[in-house]
Amino acid sequence: MSDRRRDPPYRIRTERLLLRCWNPSDAPLLKDAIDSSLENLGRWMPWAREEPTSVEEKAELLRGFRGRFDLGQDFVYGIFNLDEAEVVGGTGLHTRAGDDALEIGYWIRDSRVGNGFASEAAAALTRVAFEVCGVDRVEIRVDPANTTSLAIPRRLGFGEEGTLRRRLPGGSEGPSDLTIFSLFAHEAVGTPAAEAPIEAFDAVGARVL
């Protein structure tokens, strides 16, 4: 990872959502969001095919997420409503995209699909990646069969680089294809992602954006 990258904020507020690093105490809310959405999540998220798991297992998972966040290794966020009473979904800025880059992933619980929440979260993280973390490139990777998810990077101003065949772990039908979208820092100005209204705060609550 390039020394240029700075760690992202712990809390990000958008117009309708709060994105923040997970805590183990969020396990019951996360379980509710996943268990109520298993059929749809299982189609697109390889990790969901191992569900359902217990609250205790969720807490251990979230301990790992929080630990890697604190160590600057990977940055997984919960997507909450503004009063933090409900997990709307999950997202993250992942370091697996290579030097001077971050990758955004996202999922939304079934009861909140269709409200534009994934786009809102992805736009916020795009701004954070460029304006706080200082990376040059942001990626979003999508199964091309997932037309709902496919529309999000296009809507935010990302460019479609191409589709790699049989790159994602699949279910009974085997690996699925993977479409890669990217946006570079010099291209971001004027895109819908760059215009997203957000506030971002570090671990001690100081505003960083």
N, C-alpha and C. Protein backbone atom coordinates (compact mmCIF):
# COMPACT_ATOMS: atom_id res chain seq x y z
N MET A 1 0.84 -1.19 0.00
CA MET A 1 0.00 0.00 0.00
C MET A 1 0.88 1.24 0.00
N SER A 2 0.52 2.19 -0.83
CA SER A 2 1.29 3.42 -0.93
C SER A 2 1.25 4.19 0.39
N ASP A 3 2.38 4.85 0.72
CA ASP A 3 2.42 5.69 1.91
C ASP A 3 1.54 6.92 1.76
N ARG A 4 1.09 7.19 0.55
CA ARG A 4 0.27 8.37 0.32
C ARG A 4 -1.12 8.22 0.94
N ARG A 5 -1.60 6.99 1.07
CA ARG A 5 -2.98 6.83 1.55
C ARG A 5 -3.09 7.14 3.03
N ARG A 6 -4.07 7.96 3.37
CA ARG A 6 -4.40 8.24 4.77
C ARG A 6 -5.63 7.44 5.15
N ASP A 7 -5.75 7.11 6.41
CA ASP A 7 -6.88 6.28 6.84
C ASP A 7 -8.18 7.08 6.78
N PRO A 8 -9.28 6.40 6.46
CA PRO A 8 -10.57 7.10 6.36
C PRO A 8 -11.18 7.38 7.72
N PRO A 9 -12.22 8.20 7.76
CA PRO A 9 -12.88 8.55 9.03
C PRO A 9 -13.65 7.38 9.61
N TYR A 10 -13.96 7.49 10.90
CA TYR A 10 -14.71 6.46 11.59
C TYR A 10 -16.22 6.62 11.40
N ARG A 11 -16.68 7.85 11.20
CA ARG A 11 -18.11 8.12 11.05
C ARG A 11 -18.32 9.06 9.88
N ILE A 12 -19.31 8.75 9.06
CA ILE A 12 -19.65 9.57 7.89
C ILE A 12 -21.16 9.75 7.88
N ARG A 13 -21.60 11.00 7.87
CA ARG A 13 -23.02 11.30 7.85
C ARG A 13 -23.41 11.82 6.47
N THR A 14 -24.44 11.21 5.88
CA THR A 14 -25.00 11.68 4.62
C THR A 14 -26.37 12.30 4.90
N GLU A 15 -27.13 12.57 3.86
CA GLU A 15 -28.45 13.17 4.08
C GLU A 15 -29.37 12.25 4.87
N ARG A 16 -29.28 10.93 4.63
CA ARG A 16 -30.23 10.00 5.25
C ARG A 16 -29.58 8.89 6.05
N LEU A 17 -28.27 8.79 6.01
CA LEU A 17 -27.58 7.62 6.55
C LEU A 17 -26.41 8.02 7.45
N LEU A 18 -26.04 7.06 8.30
CA LEU A 18 -24.79 7.14 9.04
C LEU A 18 -23.95 5.92 8.68
N LEU A 19 -22.78 6.16 8.17
CA LEU A 19 -21.81 5.09 7.91
C LEU A 19 -20.77 5.16 9.03
N ARG A 20 -20.54 4.04 9.69
CA ARG A 20 -19.51 4.04 10.73
C ARG A 20 -18.87 2.67 10.84
N CYS A 21 -17.69 2.63 11.45
CA CYS A 21 -17.05 1.34 11.68
C CYS A 21 -17.90 0.52 12.64
N TRP A 22 -17.86 -0.79 12.42
CA TRP A 22 -18.68 -1.69 13.24
C TRP A 22 -18.12 -1.81 14.65
N ASN A 23 -19.01 -2.09 15.59
CA ASN A 23 -18.67 -2.50 16.95
C ASN A 23 -19.29 -3.87 17.21
N PRO A 24 -18.68 -4.71 18.04
CA PRO A 24 -19.28 -6.01 18.34
C PRO A 24 -20.72 -5.92 18.84
N SER A 25 -21.06 -4.83 19.51
CA SER A 25 -22.42 -4.67 20.03
C SER A 25 -23.46 -4.49 18.93
N ASP A 26 -23.02 -4.28 17.69
CA ASP A 26 -23.95 -4.17 16.57
C ASP A 26 -24.42 -5.53 16.05
N ALA A 27 -23.92 -6.61 16.62
CA ALA A 27 -24.21 -7.95 16.10
C ALA A 27 -25.70 -8.26 15.97
N PRO A 28 -26.54 -7.95 16.96
CA PRO A 28 -27.97 -8.27 16.79
C PRO A 28 -28.62 -7.51 15.63
N LEU A 29 -28.27 -6.25 15.46
CA LEU A 29 -28.83 -5.48 14.35
C LEU A 29 -28.34 -6.01 13.01
N LEU A 30 -27.07 -6.39 12.95
CA LEU A 30 -26.55 -6.96 11.71
C LEU A 30 -27.23 -8.28 11.38
N LYS A 31 -27.41 -9.11 12.39
CA LYS A 31 -28.06 -10.40 12.14
C LYS A 31 -29.47 -10.21 11.62
N ASP A 32 -30.20 -9.25 12.18
CA ASP A 32 -31.55 -8.98 11.71
C ASP A 32 -31.55 -8.55 10.24
N ALA A 33 -30.61 -7.69 9.87
CA ALA A 33 -30.55 -7.21 8.49
C ALA A 33 -30.23 -8.35 7.52
N ILE A 34 -29.28 -9.20 7.89
CA ILE A 34 -28.88 -10.29 7.01
C ILE A 34 -29.95 -11.38 6.95
N ASP A 35 -30.46 -11.79 8.10
CA ASP A 35 -31.43 -12.89 8.13
C ASP A 35 -32.70 -12.54 7.37
N SER A 36 -33.05 -11.26 7.33
CA SER A 36 -34.26 -10.85 6.62
C SER A 36 -34.04 -10.69 5.12
N SER A 37 -32.79 -10.91 4.68
CA SER A 37 -32.44 -10.64 3.29
C SER A 37 -31.65 -11.79 2.65
N LEU A 38 -31.74 -12.98 3.24
CA LEU A 38 -30.85 -14.06 2.83
C LEU A 38 -31.02 -14.48 1.38
N GLU A 39 -32.25 -14.56 0.91
CA GLU A 39 -32.46 -15.05 -0.46
C GLU A 39 -31.78 -14.14 -1.48
N ASN A 40 -31.95 -12.85 -1.33
CA ASN A 40 -31.35 -11.92 -2.29
C ASN A 40 -29.85 -11.81 -2.08
N LEU A 41 -29.39 -11.70 -0.84
CA LEU A 41 -27.96 -11.59 -0.59
C LEU A 41 -27.21 -12.82 -1.08
N GLY A 42 -27.81 -13.99 -0.91
CA GLY A 42 -27.15 -15.22 -1.32
C GLY A 42 -26.91 -15.31 -2.81
N ARG A 43 -27.67 -14.56 -3.60
CA ARG A 43 -27.47 -14.57 -5.06
C ARG A 43 -26.20 -13.84 -5.46
N TRP A 44 -25.82 -12.81 -4.68
CA TRP A 44 -24.75 -11.91 -5.13
C TRP A 44 -23.55 -11.85 -4.20
N MET A 45 -23.71 -12.20 -2.94
CA MET A 45 -22.63 -12.06 -1.97
C MET A 45 -22.15 -13.43 -1.54
N PRO A 46 -20.94 -13.83 -1.94
CA PRO A 46 -20.46 -15.16 -1.57
C PRO A 46 -20.49 -15.43 -0.07
N TRP A 47 -20.21 -14.40 0.75
CA TRP A 47 -20.21 -14.60 2.20
C TRP A 47 -21.59 -14.96 2.73
N ALA A 48 -22.65 -14.50 2.05
CA ALA A 48 -24.01 -14.74 2.53
C ALA A 48 -24.42 -16.20 2.38
N ARG A 49 -23.69 -16.95 1.57
CA ARG A 49 -24.03 -18.37 1.40
C ARG A 49 -23.65 -19.20 2.62
N GLU A 50 -22.91 -18.60 3.55
CA GLU A 50 -22.58 -19.26 4.81
C GLU A 50 -23.57 -18.90 5.92
N GLU A 51 -24.53 -18.07 5.61
CA GLU A 51 -25.52 -17.63 6.59
C GLU A 51 -26.70 -18.59 6.63
N PRO A 52 -27.48 -18.59 7.73
CA PRO A 52 -27.37 -17.71 8.90
C PRO A 52 -26.33 -18.18 9.90
N THR A 53 -25.74 -17.23 10.59
CA THR A 53 -24.85 -17.54 11.71
C THR A 53 -25.39 -16.86 12.96
N SER A 54 -24.85 -17.24 14.10
CA SER A 54 -25.38 -16.78 15.39
C SER A 54 -24.95 -15.35 15.70
N VAL A 55 -25.60 -14.76 16.68
CA VAL A 55 -25.21 -13.43 17.15
C VAL A 55 -23.77 -13.45 17.66
N GLU A 56 -23.40 -14.53 18.34
CA GLU A 56 -22.04 -14.63 18.87
C GLU A 56 -21.01 -14.66 17.74
N GLU A 57 -21.32 -15.39 16.68
CA GLU A 57 -20.41 -15.42 15.52
C GLU A 57 -20.35 -14.06 14.83
N LYS A 58 -21.48 -13.38 14.78
CA LYS A 58 -21.48 -12.03 14.22
C LYS A 58 -20.60 -11.10 15.05
N ALA A 59 -20.68 -11.20 16.37
CA ALA A 59 -19.87 -10.35 17.23
C ALA A 59 -18.38 -10.58 16.98
N GLU A 60 -17.99 -11.84 16.79
CA GLU A 60 -16.58 -12.14 16.50
C GLU A 60 -16.18 -11.56 15.15
N LEU A 61 -17.07 -11.67 14.17
CA LEU A 61 -16.80 -11.08 12.85
C LEU A 61 -16.58 -9.57 12.98
N LEU A 62 -17.44 -8.92 13.75
CA LEU A 62 -17.35 -7.47 13.89
C LEU A 62 -16.12 -7.05 14.69
N ARG A 63 -15.70 -7.88 15.61
CA ARG A 63 -14.43 -7.61 16.31
C ARG A 63 -13.28 -7.57 15.32
N GLY A 64 -13.30 -8.51 14.37
CA GLY A 64 -12.26 -8.53 13.35
C GLY A 64 -12.31 -7.31 12.46
N PHE A 65 -13.53 -6.93 12.04
CA PHE A 65 -13.67 -5.73 11.22
C PHE A 65 -13.12 -4.50 11.95
N ARG A 66 -13.52 -4.36 13.23
CA ARG A 66 -13.07 -3.20 14.01
C ARG A 66 -11.56 -3.22 14.19
N GLY A 67 -11.00 -4.40 14.45
CA GLY A 67 -9.56 -4.49 14.65
C GLY A 67 -8.78 -4.08 13.41
N ARG A 68 -9.21 -4.56 12.25
CA ARG A 68 -8.52 -4.19 11.01
C ARG A 68 -8.70 -2.72 10.69
N PHE A 69 -9.88 -2.17 11.03
CA PHE A 69 -10.10 -0.73 10.85
C PHE A 69 -9.11 0.05 11.71
N ASP A 70 -9.03 -0.29 12.98
CA ASP A 70 -8.14 0.43 13.90
C ASP A 70 -6.68 0.34 13.48
N LEU A 71 -6.29 -0.79 12.89
CA LEU A 71 -4.90 -0.99 12.47
C LEU A 71 -4.62 -0.42 11.08
N GLY A 72 -5.63 0.12 10.42
CA GLY A 72 -5.43 0.69 9.10
C GLY A 72 -5.24 -0.33 8.00
N GLN A 73 -5.79 -1.54 8.20
CA GLN A 73 -5.60 -2.61 7.23
C GLN A 73 -6.73 -2.72 6.22
N ASP A 74 -7.96 -2.49 6.65
CA ASP A 74 -9.13 -2.56 5.79
C ASP A 74 -10.26 -1.83 6.52
N PHE A 75 -11.24 -1.31 5.76
CA PHE A 75 -12.17 -0.37 6.36
C PHE A 75 -13.61 -0.75 6.00
N VAL A 76 -14.20 -1.56 6.87
CA VAL A 76 -15.57 -2.05 6.67
C VAL A 76 -16.51 -1.22 7.53
N TYR A 77 -17.58 -0.71 6.90
CA TYR A 77 -18.54 0.15 7.58
C TYR A 77 -19.91 -0.51 7.63
N GLY A 78 -20.64 -0.23 8.70
CA GLY A 78 -22.06 -0.48 8.71
C GLY A 78 -22.79 0.73 8.15
N ILE A 79 -23.90 0.46 7.48
CA ILE A 79 -24.78 1.53 7.02
C ILE A 79 -25.99 1.53 7.95
N PHE A 80 -26.18 2.61 8.69
CA PHE A 80 -27.26 2.72 9.67
C PHE A 80 -28.20 3.86 9.26
N ASN A 81 -29.44 3.78 9.76
CA ASN A 81 -30.26 4.98 9.68
C ASN A 81 -29.69 6.00 10.67
N LEU A 82 -30.17 7.24 10.63
CA LEU A 82 -29.50 8.30 11.36
C LEU A 82 -29.53 8.13 12.87
N ASP A 83 -30.56 7.46 13.39
CA ASP A 83 -30.59 7.26 14.85
C ASP A 83 -29.92 5.95 15.27
N GLU A 84 -29.34 5.24 14.30
CA GLU A 84 -28.58 4.00 14.52
C GLU A 84 -29.43 2.88 15.11
N ALA A 85 -30.74 2.94 14.90
CA ALA A 85 -31.63 1.90 15.40
C ALA A 85 -31.74 0.72 14.44
N GLU A 86 -31.30 0.89 13.20
CA GLU A 86 -31.44 -0.16 12.19
C GLU A 86 -30.20 -0.21 11.33
N VAL A 87 -29.74 -1.43 11.04
CA VAL A 87 -28.70 -1.63 10.02
C VAL A 87 -29.38 -1.66 8.66
N VAL A 88 -29.06 -0.69 7.84
CA VAL A 88 -29.60 -0.60 6.49
C VAL A 88 -28.82 -1.50 5.54
N GLY A 89 -27.54 -1.69 5.83
CA GLY A 89 -26.69 -2.53 4.97
C GLY A 89 -25.26 -2.44 5.42
N GLY A 90 -24.38 -2.75 4.50
CA GLY A 90 -22.94 -2.71 4.78
C GLY A 90 -22.19 -2.19 3.58
N THR A 91 -21.01 -1.63 3.84
CA THR A 91 -20.18 -1.09 2.77
C THR A 91 -18.74 -1.11 3.24
N GLY A 92 -17.83 -0.57 2.46
CA GLY A 92 -16.45 -0.55 2.89
C GLY A 92 -15.54 0.09 1.87
N LEU A 93 -14.38 0.52 2.37
CA LEU A 93 -13.26 0.94 1.53
C LEU A 93 -12.19 -0.12 1.71
N HIS A 94 -12.01 -0.93 0.69
CA HIS A 94 -11.13 -2.10 0.80
C HIS A 94 -9.78 -1.82 0.16
N THR A 95 -8.74 -2.30 0.80
CA THR A 95 -7.38 -2.02 0.39
C THR A 95 -6.86 -3.00 -0.67
N ARG A 96 -7.69 -3.95 -1.09
CA ARG A 96 -7.24 -4.98 -2.03
C ARG A 96 -7.11 -4.47 -3.46
N ALA A 97 -7.44 -3.21 -3.71
CA ALA A 97 -7.38 -2.67 -5.08
C ALA A 97 -5.96 -2.30 -5.50
N GLY A 98 -5.00 -2.38 -4.59
CA GLY A 98 -3.62 -2.10 -4.95
C GLY A 98 -3.15 -0.76 -4.42
N ASP A 99 -1.93 -0.40 -4.79
CA ASP A 99 -1.33 0.83 -4.31
C ASP A 99 -2.12 2.04 -4.78
N ASP A 100 -2.26 3.01 -3.90
CA ASP A 100 -2.89 4.29 -4.19
C ASP A 100 -4.31 4.13 -4.72
N ALA A 101 -5.02 3.12 -4.23
CA ALA A 101 -6.38 2.85 -4.68
C ALA A 101 -7.18 2.24 -3.55
N LEU A 102 -8.50 2.39 -3.62
CA LEU A 102 -9.42 1.74 -2.70
C LEU A 102 -10.60 1.21 -3.50
N GLU A 103 -11.17 0.12 -3.01
CA GLU A 103 -12.33 -0.49 -3.66
C GLU A 103 -13.56 -0.36 -2.76
N ILE A 104 -14.68 0.05 -3.34
CA ILE A 104 -15.93 0.17 -2.61
C ILE A 104 -16.80 -1.04 -2.87
N GLY A 105 -17.31 -1.63 -1.80
CA GLY A 105 -18.33 -2.67 -1.90
C GLY A 105 -19.56 -2.22 -1.13
N TYR A 106 -20.71 -2.86 -1.39
CA TYR A 106 -21.93 -2.45 -0.70
C TYR A 106 -22.99 -3.54 -0.80
N TRP A 107 -23.88 -3.56 0.19
CA TRP A 107 -25.10 -4.36 0.14
C TRP A 107 -26.16 -3.64 0.98
N ILE A 108 -27.42 -3.85 0.63
CA ILE A 108 -28.55 -3.22 1.31
C ILE A 108 -29.57 -4.28 1.68
N ARG A 109 -30.13 -4.20 2.88
CA ARG A 109 -31.13 -5.17 3.30
C ARG A 109 -32.36 -5.07 2.39
N ASP A 110 -33.07 -6.17 2.25
CA ASP A 110 -34.19 -6.25 1.31
C ASP A 110 -35.24 -5.16 1.53
N SER A 111 -35.55 -4.87 2.80
CA SER A 111 -36.63 -3.93 3.09
C SER A 111 -36.27 -2.49 2.72
N ARG A 112 -35.00 -2.22 2.41
CA ARG A 112 -34.57 -0.85 2.07
C ARG A 112 -34.08 -0.72 0.63
N VAL A 113 -34.13 -1.81 -0.12
CA VAL A 113 -33.72 -1.75 -1.53
C VAL A 113 -34.68 -0.86 -2.30
N GLY A 114 -34.15 -0.09 -3.24
CA GLY A 114 -34.97 0.76 -4.08
C GLY A 114 -35.08 2.19 -3.60
N ASN A 115 -34.39 2.52 -2.50
CA ASN A 115 -34.44 3.88 -1.96
C ASN A 115 -33.21 4.71 -2.29
N GLY A 116 -32.27 4.15 -3.05
CA GLY A 116 -31.06 4.88 -3.40
C GLY A 116 -30.00 4.89 -2.32
N PHE A 117 -30.14 4.02 -1.31
CA PHE A 117 -29.19 4.05 -0.21
C PHE A 117 -27.80 3.56 -0.61
N ALA A 118 -27.71 2.57 -1.48
CA ALA A 118 -26.39 2.09 -1.92
C ALA A 118 -25.65 3.19 -2.68
N SER A 119 -26.37 3.91 -3.54
CA SER A 119 -25.75 5.03 -4.27
C SER A 119 -25.30 6.12 -3.31
N GLU A 120 -26.11 6.41 -2.30
CA GLU A 120 -25.77 7.44 -1.33
C GLU A 120 -24.52 7.06 -0.54
N ALA A 121 -24.44 5.80 -0.13
CA ALA A 121 -23.27 5.34 0.61
C ALA A 121 -22.03 5.31 -0.26
N ALA A 122 -22.16 4.81 -1.49
CA ALA A 122 -21.01 4.73 -2.39
C ALA A 122 -20.50 6.10 -2.77
N ALA A 123 -21.40 7.06 -2.97
CA ALA A 123 -20.98 8.43 -3.27
C ALA A 123 -20.18 9.01 -2.11
N ALA A 124 -20.67 8.78 -0.88
CA ALA A 124 -19.96 9.29 0.30
C ALA A 124 -18.56 8.71 0.39
N LEU A 125 -18.44 7.40 0.17
CA LEU A 125 -17.12 6.77 0.28
C LEU A 125 -16.20 7.19 -0.86
N THR A 126 -16.77 7.50 -2.01
CA THR A 126 -15.94 7.99 -3.11
C THR A 126 -15.31 9.33 -2.72
N ARG A 127 -16.11 10.23 -2.16
CA ARG A 127 -15.56 11.50 -1.70
C ARG A 127 -14.49 11.29 -0.63
N VAL A 128 -14.78 10.42 0.32
CA VAL A 128 -13.81 10.16 1.39
C VAL A 128 -12.51 9.61 0.82
N ALA A 129 -12.62 8.68 -0.12
CA ALA A 129 -11.41 8.07 -0.69
C ALA A 129 -10.51 9.12 -1.33
N PHE A 130 -11.10 10.05 -2.06
CA PHE A 130 -10.30 11.07 -2.73
C PHE A 130 -9.89 12.21 -1.80
N GLU A 131 -10.83 12.70 -1.00
CA GLU A 131 -10.61 13.95 -0.27
C GLU A 131 -9.99 13.76 1.10
N VAL A 132 -10.21 12.58 1.71
CA VAL A 132 -9.62 12.31 3.01
C VAL A 132 -8.43 11.35 2.88
N CYS A 133 -8.64 10.25 2.19
CA CYS A 133 -7.58 9.25 2.06
C CYS A 133 -6.52 9.65 1.04
N GLY A 134 -6.90 10.48 0.06
CA GLY A 134 -5.94 10.98 -0.90
C GLY A 134 -5.49 9.98 -1.95
N VAL A 135 -6.31 8.97 -2.24
CA VAL A 135 -5.93 8.01 -3.26
C VAL A 135 -6.17 8.58 -4.65
N ASP A 136 -5.60 7.92 -5.64
CA ASP A 136 -5.76 8.35 -7.03
C ASP A 136 -6.88 7.62 -7.75
N ARG A 137 -7.25 6.43 -7.25
CA ARG A 137 -8.18 5.58 -7.99
C ARG A 137 -9.17 4.94 -7.03
N VAL A 138 -10.43 4.91 -7.42
CA VAL A 138 -11.46 4.18 -6.68
C VAL A 138 -12.09 3.18 -7.64
N GLU A 139 -12.27 1.95 -7.17
CA GLU A 139 -12.88 0.89 -7.97
C GLU A 139 -14.19 0.42 -7.36
N ILE A 140 -15.09 -0.03 -8.21
CA ILE A 140 -16.28 -0.77 -7.80
C ILE A 140 -16.36 -1.99 -8.70
N ARG A 141 -16.51 -3.16 -8.11
CA ARG A 141 -16.56 -4.42 -8.87
C ARG A 141 -17.92 -5.07 -8.67
N VAL A 142 -18.56 -5.46 -9.77
CA VAL A 142 -19.95 -5.90 -9.74
C VAL A 142 -20.13 -7.13 -10.62
N ASP A 143 -20.94 -8.06 -10.16
CA ASP A 143 -21.40 -9.15 -11.03
C ASP A 143 -22.30 -8.53 -12.10
N PRO A 144 -21.98 -8.69 -13.39
CA PRO A 144 -22.77 -8.03 -14.43
C PRO A 144 -24.21 -8.50 -14.51
N ALA A 145 -24.52 -9.63 -13.89
CA ALA A 145 -25.91 -10.08 -13.86
C ALA A 145 -26.74 -9.32 -12.83
N ASN A 146 -26.06 -8.63 -11.92
CA ASN A 146 -26.75 -7.86 -10.89
C ASN A 146 -27.03 -6.46 -11.43
N THR A 147 -28.11 -6.32 -12.16
CA THR A 147 -28.38 -5.07 -12.87
C THR A 147 -28.63 -3.90 -11.91
N THR A 148 -29.20 -4.17 -10.75
CA THR A 148 -29.43 -3.09 -9.78
C THR A 148 -28.11 -2.52 -9.30
N SER A 149 -27.18 -3.39 -8.94
CA SER A 149 -25.88 -2.94 -8.46
C SER A 149 -25.05 -2.33 -9.59
N LEU A 150 -25.21 -2.84 -10.78
CA LEU A 150 -24.47 -2.36 -11.93
C LEU A 150 -24.77 -0.89 -12.22
N ALA A 151 -25.98 -0.47 -11.93
CA ALA A 151 -26.38 0.92 -12.23
C ALA A 151 -25.72 1.93 -11.32
N ILE A 152 -25.23 1.50 -10.15
CA ILE A 152 -24.75 2.46 -9.16
C ILE A 152 -23.47 3.16 -9.60
N PRO A 153 -22.39 2.45 -9.99
CA PRO A 153 -21.20 3.19 -10.43
C PRO A 153 -21.46 4.03 -11.67
N ARG A 154 -22.31 3.55 -12.55
CA ARG A 154 -22.65 4.35 -13.73
C ARG A 154 -23.32 5.65 -13.32
N ARG A 155 -24.23 5.56 -12.34
CA ARG A 155 -24.95 6.74 -11.88
C ARG A 155 -24.02 7.75 -11.23
N LEU A 156 -22.95 7.27 -10.61
CA LEU A 156 -22.05 8.15 -9.87
C LEU A 156 -20.92 8.72 -10.71
N GLY A 157 -20.83 8.32 -11.96
CA GLY A 157 -19.80 8.88 -12.84
C GLY A 157 -18.58 8.01 -13.04
N PHE A 158 -18.61 6.76 -12.58
CA PHE A 158 -17.49 5.84 -12.81
C PHE A 158 -17.48 5.38 -14.26
N GLY A 159 -16.28 5.06 -14.75
CA GLY A 159 -16.14 4.51 -16.09
C GLY A 159 -16.04 3.00 -16.05
N GLU A 160 -16.64 2.34 -17.02
CA GLU A 160 -16.60 0.88 -17.10
C GLU A 160 -15.34 0.44 -17.83
N GLU A 161 -14.49 -0.30 -17.13
CA GLU A 161 -13.23 -0.74 -17.71
C GLU A 161 -13.37 -2.01 -18.52
N GLY A 162 -14.23 -2.92 -18.09
CA GLY A 162 -14.40 -4.17 -18.80
C GLY A 162 -14.91 -5.26 -17.88
N THR A 163 -15.14 -6.42 -18.45
CA THR A 163 -15.67 -7.56 -17.71
C THR A 163 -14.68 -8.72 -17.78
N LEU A 164 -14.34 -9.23 -16.62
CA LEU A 164 -13.48 -10.41 -16.51
C LEU A 164 -14.36 -11.64 -16.34
N ARG A 165 -14.07 -12.67 -17.05
CA ARG A 165 -14.93 -13.85 -17.04
C ARG A 165 -14.56 -14.80 -15.91
N ARG A 166 -15.61 -15.30 -15.23
CA ARG A 166 -15.48 -16.35 -14.21
C ARG A 166 -14.46 -15.99 -13.13
N ARG A 167 -14.64 -14.80 -12.53
CA ARG A 167 -13.69 -14.33 -11.52
C ARG A 167 -14.25 -14.29 -10.11
N LEU A 168 -15.59 -14.35 -9.97
CA LEU A 168 -16.20 -14.29 -8.65
C LEU A 168 -16.62 -15.68 -8.19
N PRO A 169 -16.41 -16.01 -6.92
CA PRO A 169 -16.90 -17.31 -6.42
C PRO A 169 -18.40 -17.43 -6.65
N GLY A 170 -18.82 -18.53 -7.22
CA GLY A 170 -20.23 -18.71 -7.53
C GLY A 170 -20.87 -19.77 -6.68
N GLY A 171 -22.14 -19.98 -6.91
CA GLY A 171 -22.88 -21.01 -6.21
C GLY A 171 -22.83 -22.31 -6.99
N SER A 172 -23.97 -22.94 -7.15
CA SER A 172 -24.03 -24.24 -7.81
C SER A 172 -23.65 -24.16 -9.29
N GLU A 173 -23.77 -22.99 -9.88
CA GLU A 173 -23.47 -22.83 -11.30
C GLU A 173 -22.01 -22.46 -11.57
N GLY A 174 -21.20 -22.37 -10.54
CA GLY A 174 -19.79 -22.08 -10.72
C GLY A 174 -19.49 -20.59 -10.68
N PRO A 175 -18.23 -20.20 -10.93
CA PRO A 175 -17.82 -18.80 -10.84
C PRO A 175 -18.61 -17.91 -11.80
N SER A 176 -18.79 -16.65 -11.40
CA SER A 176 -19.51 -15.70 -12.24
C SER A 176 -18.55 -14.61 -12.72
N ASP A 177 -19.01 -13.84 -13.68
CA ASP A 177 -18.19 -12.78 -14.27
C ASP A 177 -18.09 -11.58 -13.31
N LEU A 178 -17.18 -10.67 -13.64
CA LEU A 178 -16.91 -9.52 -12.79
C LEU A 178 -16.68 -8.30 -13.67
N THR A 179 -17.51 -7.28 -13.51
CA THR A 179 -17.33 -6.02 -14.24
C THR A 179 -16.67 -5.00 -13.33
N ILE A 180 -15.62 -4.36 -13.84
CA ILE A 180 -14.84 -3.40 -13.07
C ILE A 180 -15.14 -1.99 -13.53
N PHE A 181 -15.46 -1.13 -12.57
CA PHE A 181 -15.64 0.29 -12.81
C PHE A 181 -14.56 1.05 -12.04
N SER A 182 -14.14 2.18 -12.57
CA SER A 182 -13.13 2.97 -11.88
C SER A 182 -13.40 4.46 -12.07
N LEU A 183 -12.88 5.22 -11.12
CA LEU A 183 -12.90 6.68 -11.19
C LEU A 183 -11.56 7.16 -10.65
N PHE A 184 -10.92 8.07 -11.38
CA PHE A 184 -9.65 8.64 -10.95
C PHE A 184 -9.87 10.02 -10.35
N ALA A 185 -8.95 10.42 -9.50
CA ALA A 185 -9.10 11.68 -8.78
C ALA A 185 -9.29 12.86 -9.73
N HIS A 186 -8.55 12.87 -10.83
CA HIS A 186 -8.65 14.01 -11.74
C HIS A 186 -9.96 14.01 -12.53
N GLU A 187 -10.69 12.89 -12.52
CA GLU A 187 -11.96 12.80 -13.21
C GLU A 187 -13.15 13.10 -12.32
N ALA A 188 -12.94 13.17 -11.02
CA ALA A 188 -14.05 13.17 -10.08
C ALA A 188 -14.82 14.49 -10.04
N VAL A 189 -14.15 15.59 -10.29
CA VAL A 189 -14.81 16.90 -10.19
C VAL A 189 -16.00 16.96 -11.15
N GLY A 190 -17.14 17.35 -10.62
CA GLY A 190 -18.33 17.48 -11.43
C GLY A 190 -19.16 16.22 -11.55
N THR A 191 -18.69 15.10 -11.02
CA THR A 191 -19.48 13.88 -11.04
C THR A 191 -20.51 13.92 -9.93
N PRO A 192 -21.59 13.13 -10.05
CA PRO A 192 -22.56 13.06 -8.94
C PRO A 192 -21.92 12.64 -7.63
N ALA A 193 -20.92 11.77 -7.67
CA ALA A 193 -20.27 11.34 -6.44
C ALA A 193 -19.59 12.52 -5.74
N ALA A 194 -18.93 13.37 -6.50
CA ALA A 194 -18.17 14.48 -5.92
C ALA A 194 -19.08 15.52 -5.29
N GLU A 195 -20.34 15.54 -5.68
CA GLU A 195 -21.27 16.55 -5.19
C GLU A 195 -22.12 16.07 -4.02
N ALA A 196 -21.87 14.86 -3.54
CA ALA A 196 -22.67 14.31 -2.45
C ALA A 196 -22.41 15.08 -1.16
N PRO A 197 -23.47 15.53 -0.48
CA PRO A 197 -23.27 16.25 0.79
C PRO A 197 -22.98 15.29 1.93
N ILE A 198 -21.83 15.45 2.58
CA ILE A 198 -21.47 14.57 3.69
C ILE A 198 -20.73 15.35 4.76
N GLU A 199 -20.68 14.76 5.95
CA GLU A 199 -19.80 15.18 7.03
C GLU A 199 -19.06 13.94 7.51
N ALA A 200 -17.78 14.08 7.81
CA ALA A 200 -16.98 12.94 8.21
C ALA A 200 -16.15 13.30 9.44
N PHE A 201 -16.00 12.31 10.35
CA PHE A 201 -15.40 12.55 11.66
C PHE A 201 -14.39 11.45 11.99
N ASP A 202 -13.29 11.84 12.62
CA ASP A 202 -12.27 10.85 12.99
C ASP A 202 -12.64 10.14 14.29
N ALA A 203 -11.71 9.36 14.82
CA ALA A 203 -12.00 8.50 15.97
C ALA A 203 -12.34 9.28 17.24
N VAL A 204 -11.89 10.54 17.33
CA VAL A 204 -12.19 11.33 18.52
C VAL A 204 -13.30 12.35 18.28
N GLY A 205 -13.94 12.25 17.11
CA GLY A 205 -15.07 13.10 16.81
C GLY A 205 -14.75 14.40 16.13
N ALA A 206 -13.50 14.61 15.76
CA ALA A 206 -13.12 15.84 15.05
C ALA A 206 -13.54 15.72 13.59
N ARG A 207 -14.10 16.79 13.05
CA ARG A 207 -14.55 16.75 11.67
C ARG A 207 -13.36 16.81 10.72
N VAL A 208 -13.35 15.91 9.74
CA VAL A 208 -12.26 15.87 8.76
C VAL A 208 -12.75 16.19 7.35
N LEU A 209 -14.07 16.30 7.17
CA LEU A 209 -14.62 16.65 5.86
C LEU A 209 -16.02 17.23 6.05
